[in-house]
Protein backbone atom coordinates (compact mmCIF):
# COMPACT_ATOMS: atom_id res chain seq x y z
CA MET A 1 88.41 90.13 83.14
CA SER A 2 89.57 94.00 82.57
CA LEU A 3 88.82 95.95 85.33
CA LEU A 4 88.14 99.04 83.41
CA GLU A 5 87.05 98.28 79.85
CA VAL A 6 86.39 101.39 77.28
CA ASP A 7 85.32 99.87 74.14
CA GLY A 8 85.08 102.82 70.99
CA VAL A 9 83.73 105.48 72.76
CA THR A 10 83.11 108.74 70.72
CA VAL A 11 83.00 112.08 71.96
CA ARG A 12 81.76 115.20 69.35
CA PHE A 13 81.61 118.60 70.59
CA GLY A 14 79.64 119.92 68.11
CA GLY A 15 81.77 119.46 64.86
CA VAL A 16 84.76 118.56 66.85
CA THR A 17 85.19 115.40 67.47
CA ALA A 18 87.61 114.96 70.70
CA LEU A 19 87.53 110.87 70.83
CA ASP A 20 87.22 108.83 67.65
CA ARG A 21 86.28 104.93 68.57
CA VAL A 22 88.64 104.87 71.40
CA SER A 23 89.11 101.01 73.02
CA PHE A 24 91.47 100.32 75.08
CA ALA A 25 91.19 97.82 78.45
CA VAL A 26 93.34 98.04 81.89
CA GLU A 27 94.07 94.98 83.49
CA PRO A 28 94.06 94.88 87.53
CA GLY A 29 96.94 96.37 89.62
CA GLU A 30 98.01 97.60 86.70
CA ILE A 31 100.09 101.30 86.23
CA PHE A 32 99.31 102.51 82.58
CA SER A 33 99.65 105.90 81.77
CA ILE A 34 97.75 108.03 78.49
CA VAL A 35 99.79 110.32 76.55
CA GLY A 36 99.70 112.84 73.62
CA PRO A 37 99.81 116.03 73.23
CA ASN A 38 97.90 119.28 73.49
CA GLY A 39 94.07 118.91 72.13
CA ALA A 40 94.99 114.96 72.12
CA GLY A 41 91.19 114.14 73.98
CA LYS A 42 93.10 113.04 77.27
CA SER A 43 91.17 114.68 79.60
CA THR A 44 88.21 114.50 77.62
CA LEU A 45 88.93 111.00 78.49
CA PHE A 46 89.06 110.92 81.59
CA ASN A 47 86.32 113.27 82.00
CA LEU A 48 84.23 110.52 80.51
CA ILE A 49 85.55 107.79 82.83
CA SER A 50 83.95 110.22 85.72
CA ARG A 51 80.77 110.54 83.37
CA PHE A 52 80.86 114.21 83.16
CA HIS A 53 80.56 113.61 79.39
CA GLU A 54 78.45 111.14 77.39
CA PRO A 55 79.47 109.02 74.41
CA GLU A 56 77.80 109.16 71.12
CA GLU A 57 78.79 106.13 70.45
CA GLY A 58 80.90 102.72 73.06
CA ASP A 59 80.61 101.53 76.09
CA LEU A 60 82.82 102.21 79.30
CA ARG A 61 82.65 98.70 81.91
CA PHE A 62 84.00 98.78 85.12
CA ALA A 63 84.28 94.73 86.19
CA GLY A 64 82.48 93.78 83.58
CA GLU A 65 79.82 95.99 84.83
CA SER A 66 78.42 99.06 82.12
CA LEU A 67 79.50 102.21 83.83
CA LEU A 68 76.72 104.68 81.27
CA ARG A 69 73.87 103.15 83.20
CA LEU A 70 75.32 105.48 86.02
CA ALA A 71 76.13 109.49 87.00
CA ALA A 72 78.80 111.19 88.25
CA ALA A 73 77.72 111.07 92.13
CA GLU A 74 77.84 107.12 91.74
CA ILE A 75 81.60 106.76 90.09
CA GLY A 76 83.34 106.96 93.97
CA GLY A 77 81.38 104.58 95.57
CA LEU A 78 82.00 101.71 93.20
CA GLY A 79 85.53 102.40 93.70
CA ILE A 80 87.07 105.14 90.45
CA ALA A 81 88.70 107.91 92.47
CA ARG A 82 90.33 110.83 90.81
CA THR A 83 92.67 114.10 90.93
CA PHE A 84 91.82 117.31 88.01
CA GLN A 85 94.61 118.77 86.72
CA ASN A 86 93.42 122.07 87.98
CA ILE A 87 93.47 121.16 91.73
CA GLU A 88 90.13 120.97 93.43
CA LEU A 89 90.49 121.16 96.96
CA PHE A 90 88.73 123.18 99.89
CA GLU A 91 91.37 126.39 99.99
CA HIS A 92 89.88 127.74 103.27
CA SER A 93 89.62 124.36 104.69
CA SER A 94 92.32 122.17 106.51
CA VAL A 95 94.08 119.11 105.15
CA LEU A 96 92.25 117.10 107.18
CA GLU A 97 88.88 118.37 106.47
CA ASN A 98 89.79 118.10 103.11
CA LEU A 99 90.73 114.68 103.02
CA LEU A 100 87.86 113.87 105.15
CA VAL A 101 85.93 115.26 102.41
CA GLY A 102 86.78 112.06 100.65
CA ARG A 103 85.15 109.23 102.77
CA HIS A 104 81.76 110.78 101.60
CA THR A 105 81.41 107.85 99.26
CA ARG A 106 80.98 105.54 102.55
CA ARG A 107 78.84 107.51 104.88
CA ARG A 108 76.11 104.83 105.49
CA VAL A 109 74.08 106.52 108.46
CA SER A 110 71.21 108.47 107.47
CA ILE A 111 70.84 112.46 107.71
CA PRO A 112 68.93 112.25 110.36
CA GLU A 113 70.90 110.12 112.58
CA GLN A 114 73.81 112.42 111.70
CA ILE A 115 72.10 115.42 113.26
CA LEU A 116 71.26 113.88 116.34
CA PHE A 117 74.39 112.26 115.92
CA THR A 118 73.77 108.51 117.56
CA PRO A 119 75.91 105.81 118.25
CA ALA A 120 76.61 104.18 114.82
CA THR A 121 77.36 108.25 113.20
CA ARG A 122 79.98 108.17 116.60
CA ARG A 123 81.38 104.75 115.67
CA GLU A 124 81.12 105.64 111.81
CA GLU A 125 82.84 108.75 112.39
CA ILE A 126 85.49 107.00 114.44
CA ALA A 127 86.27 104.69 111.63
CA HIS A 128 86.30 107.88 108.49
CA ARG A 129 88.99 109.54 110.89
CA ALA A 130 90.78 106.23 111.65
CA ALA A 131 90.76 106.02 107.62
CA VAL A 132 92.07 109.04 106.91
CA GLU A 133 94.77 109.33 109.18
CA ARG A 134 96.16 106.12 107.47
CA VAL A 135 96.63 108.30 104.45
CA ILE A 136 97.80 111.22 105.80
CA ASP A 137 101.03 108.63 107.35
CA PHE A 138 101.26 107.15 103.96
CA LEU A 139 101.71 110.09 101.86
CA ASP A 140 104.11 111.58 105.25
CA LEU A 141 101.60 114.34 105.63
CA GLN A 142 101.56 114.76 109.17
CA LEU A 143 103.04 117.76 109.02
CA TYR A 144 100.04 119.79 107.38
CA ARG A 145 97.06 118.05 108.34
CA ASP A 146 95.77 120.76 110.50
CA ARG A 147 97.66 123.51 108.23
CA THR A 148 94.87 125.57 105.82
CA ILE A 149 95.04 124.46 102.00
CA ALA A 150 95.40 128.10 101.15
CA GLY A 151 98.96 128.31 102.99
CA LEU A 152 100.47 125.54 101.67
CA PRO A 153 103.30 125.25 98.99
CA TYR A 154 101.88 123.76 94.66
CA GLY A 155 103.97 120.61 95.61
CA VAL A 156 101.97 119.52 98.46
CA ARG A 157 98.37 120.56 97.30
CA LYS A 158 98.94 118.20 94.89
CA VAL A 159 99.53 115.30 97.38
CA VAL A 160 97.04 116.47 99.55
CA GLU A 161 94.66 116.18 95.79
CA VAL A 162 95.94 112.48 95.95
CA GLY A 163 95.46 112.07 99.35
CA ARG A 164 91.63 112.92 99.38
CA ALA A 165 91.19 110.61 96.21
CA LEU A 166 93.06 107.18 98.57
CA ALA A 167 90.28 108.02 101.21
CA ILE A 168 87.49 107.26 98.76
CA GLU A 169 89.60 103.81 99.18
CA PRO A 170 89.51 103.18 95.41
CA ARG A 171 90.12 100.21 93.12
CA VAL A 172 90.94 102.48 90.22
CA LEU A 173 92.89 105.64 90.18
CA LEU A 174 92.41 108.60 87.68
CA LEU A 175 96.44 111.01 88.03
CA ASP A 176 95.03 113.75 85.88
CA GLU A 177 98.68 115.38 85.02
CA PRO A 178 100.34 114.66 88.37
CA TYR A 179 103.72 116.07 87.47
CA SER A 180 102.13 119.07 86.10
CA ARG A 181 104.18 122.04 87.26
CA LEU A 182 106.23 120.60 90.05
CA SER A 183 109.80 120.78 90.73
CA ASN A 184 112.21 118.01 89.40
CA GLU A 185 112.21 117.07 93.22
CA GLU A 186 108.57 116.67 93.86
CA SER A 187 108.28 115.02 90.17
CA MET A 188 110.51 112.17 91.77
CA ASP A 189 108.76 112.12 94.80
CA MET A 190 105.51 112.40 93.22
CA ARG A 191 107.05 109.44 90.54
CA PHE A 192 107.67 106.94 94.12
CA ARG A 193 103.94 107.84 95.24
CA ILE A 194 102.30 106.47 92.50
CA GLY A 195 104.64 103.02 92.11
CA ASP A 196 103.81 102.81 95.97
CA ILE A 197 99.90 103.53 96.13
CA ARG A 198 100.39 100.32 93.89
CA ALA A 199 102.17 98.26 95.38
CA ARG A 200 101.60 99.02 99.25
CA MET A 201 97.67 100.23 98.42
CA GLY A 202 96.79 97.51 95.52
CA VAL A 203 95.45 100.59 93.66
CA THR A 204 94.85 100.13 90.16
CA VAL A 205 96.33 103.68 88.02
CA LEU A 206 95.32 104.94 85.26
CA MET A 207 97.28 108.49 84.72
CA VAL A 208 97.08 110.70 81.95
CA GLU A 209 100.52 113.19 81.66
CA HIS A 210 102.74 114.65 79.84
CA ASP A 211 106.43 113.73 80.22
CA MET A 212 107.23 110.76 78.77
CA GLY A 213 110.47 110.22 81.13
CA LEU A 214 108.53 110.33 84.00
CA VAL A 215 105.70 107.98 82.56
CA SER A 216 108.22 105.25 81.18
CA ALA A 217 109.50 105.46 85.14
CA VAL A 218 106.49 104.13 86.94
CA SER A 219 104.20 102.75 83.83
CA ASP A 220 103.76 98.78 82.73
CA ARG A 221 101.52 100.05 79.19
CA VAL A 222 101.22 103.31 77.70
CA MET A 223 98.67 104.47 75.09
CA ALA A 224 99.61 107.41 73.11
CA LEU A 225 96.52 110.05 71.47
CA ALA A 226 96.72 112.70 68.70
CA ASP A 227 93.66 114.17 67.11
CA GLY A 228 91.31 111.64 69.44
CA ARG A 229 92.56 108.60 67.95
CA VAL A 230 94.72 106.05 69.31
CA ILE A 231 97.63 105.84 67.19
CA ALA A 232 100.22 103.33 69.28
CA THR A 233 99.70 100.99 72.85
CA GLY A 234 101.83 99.22 74.67
CA THR A 235 105.28 99.15 76.32
CA PRO A 236 106.75 102.97 77.14
CA ALA A 237 109.89 101.99 75.37
CA ALA A 238 107.69 100.86 72.33
CA VAL A 239 105.45 103.80 72.43
CA GLN A 240 107.75 106.62 72.64
CA SER A 241 109.81 104.96 69.74
CA HIS A 242 106.65 104.74 67.46
CA PRO A 243 107.32 107.01 64.32
CA ARG A 244 103.74 108.06 64.98
CA VAL A 245 104.37 108.95 68.58
CA ILE A 246 107.12 110.84 67.43
CA GLU A 247 105.52 112.66 64.31
CA ALA A 248 102.69 113.62 66.85
CA TYR A 249 104.94 115.10 69.41
CA LEU A 250 108.14 116.82 67.02
CA GLY A 251 106.34 116.77 64.27
CA THR A 252 107.04 115.04 60.54
CA GLN A 253 110.65 115.80 59.94
CA ALA A 254 111.63 114.40 63.31
CA ALA A 255 109.22 111.36 62.23
CA ALA A 256 111.45 111.03 58.90
CA SER A 257 114.81 111.78 60.88
């Protein structure tokens, strides 16, 4: 059984069709990337999986169960975590505090227990702290753990956002343009981190990205979108050389040459 299945989904905003009967499946342990030019529907697809949008047609399934019965707030608890194209962190909180926010889906004690700080609450807080410290070690964020987000370089903030998503202990990690605005050195570091997330943490990765070179370096399979439709799915090399993908990125003349 595929871990994540998107089955014939259509999303419209007014008279604009953002996704048109899109279907694909992501297998356990896979790094699956979605590419396409601006306006192709990539971010809409992520927002759909995150339950920020509703499809007019089709279904979304995670481990065989439909996601359409769930609200956005329930997705993290199911085992799906994501980052955002525009970094969404608490600017005036520390790295440690931001990662602890990612543990909210793992909280089991009640609000009254938290207020009274019962023994159960203390045990849970210790467990959350230990989980976050493991993520900090995994991403080499020890130097920044107590620093405020607002004072950190952009590339470090990108890593912190990945860390907050990993703190949820997801089965599937959605990465929305993880290489965006990174330097060449930072992009290479991110490339190795993504590979380690799969290899060392056993997390399945679904990634949206523009850079085909970086996508090809880490992905098992790639799906290309254009104008809300799937135009190619396969290995990175096959998709990169597909005439419709070349046309979508470079224009008709490039595809014909």
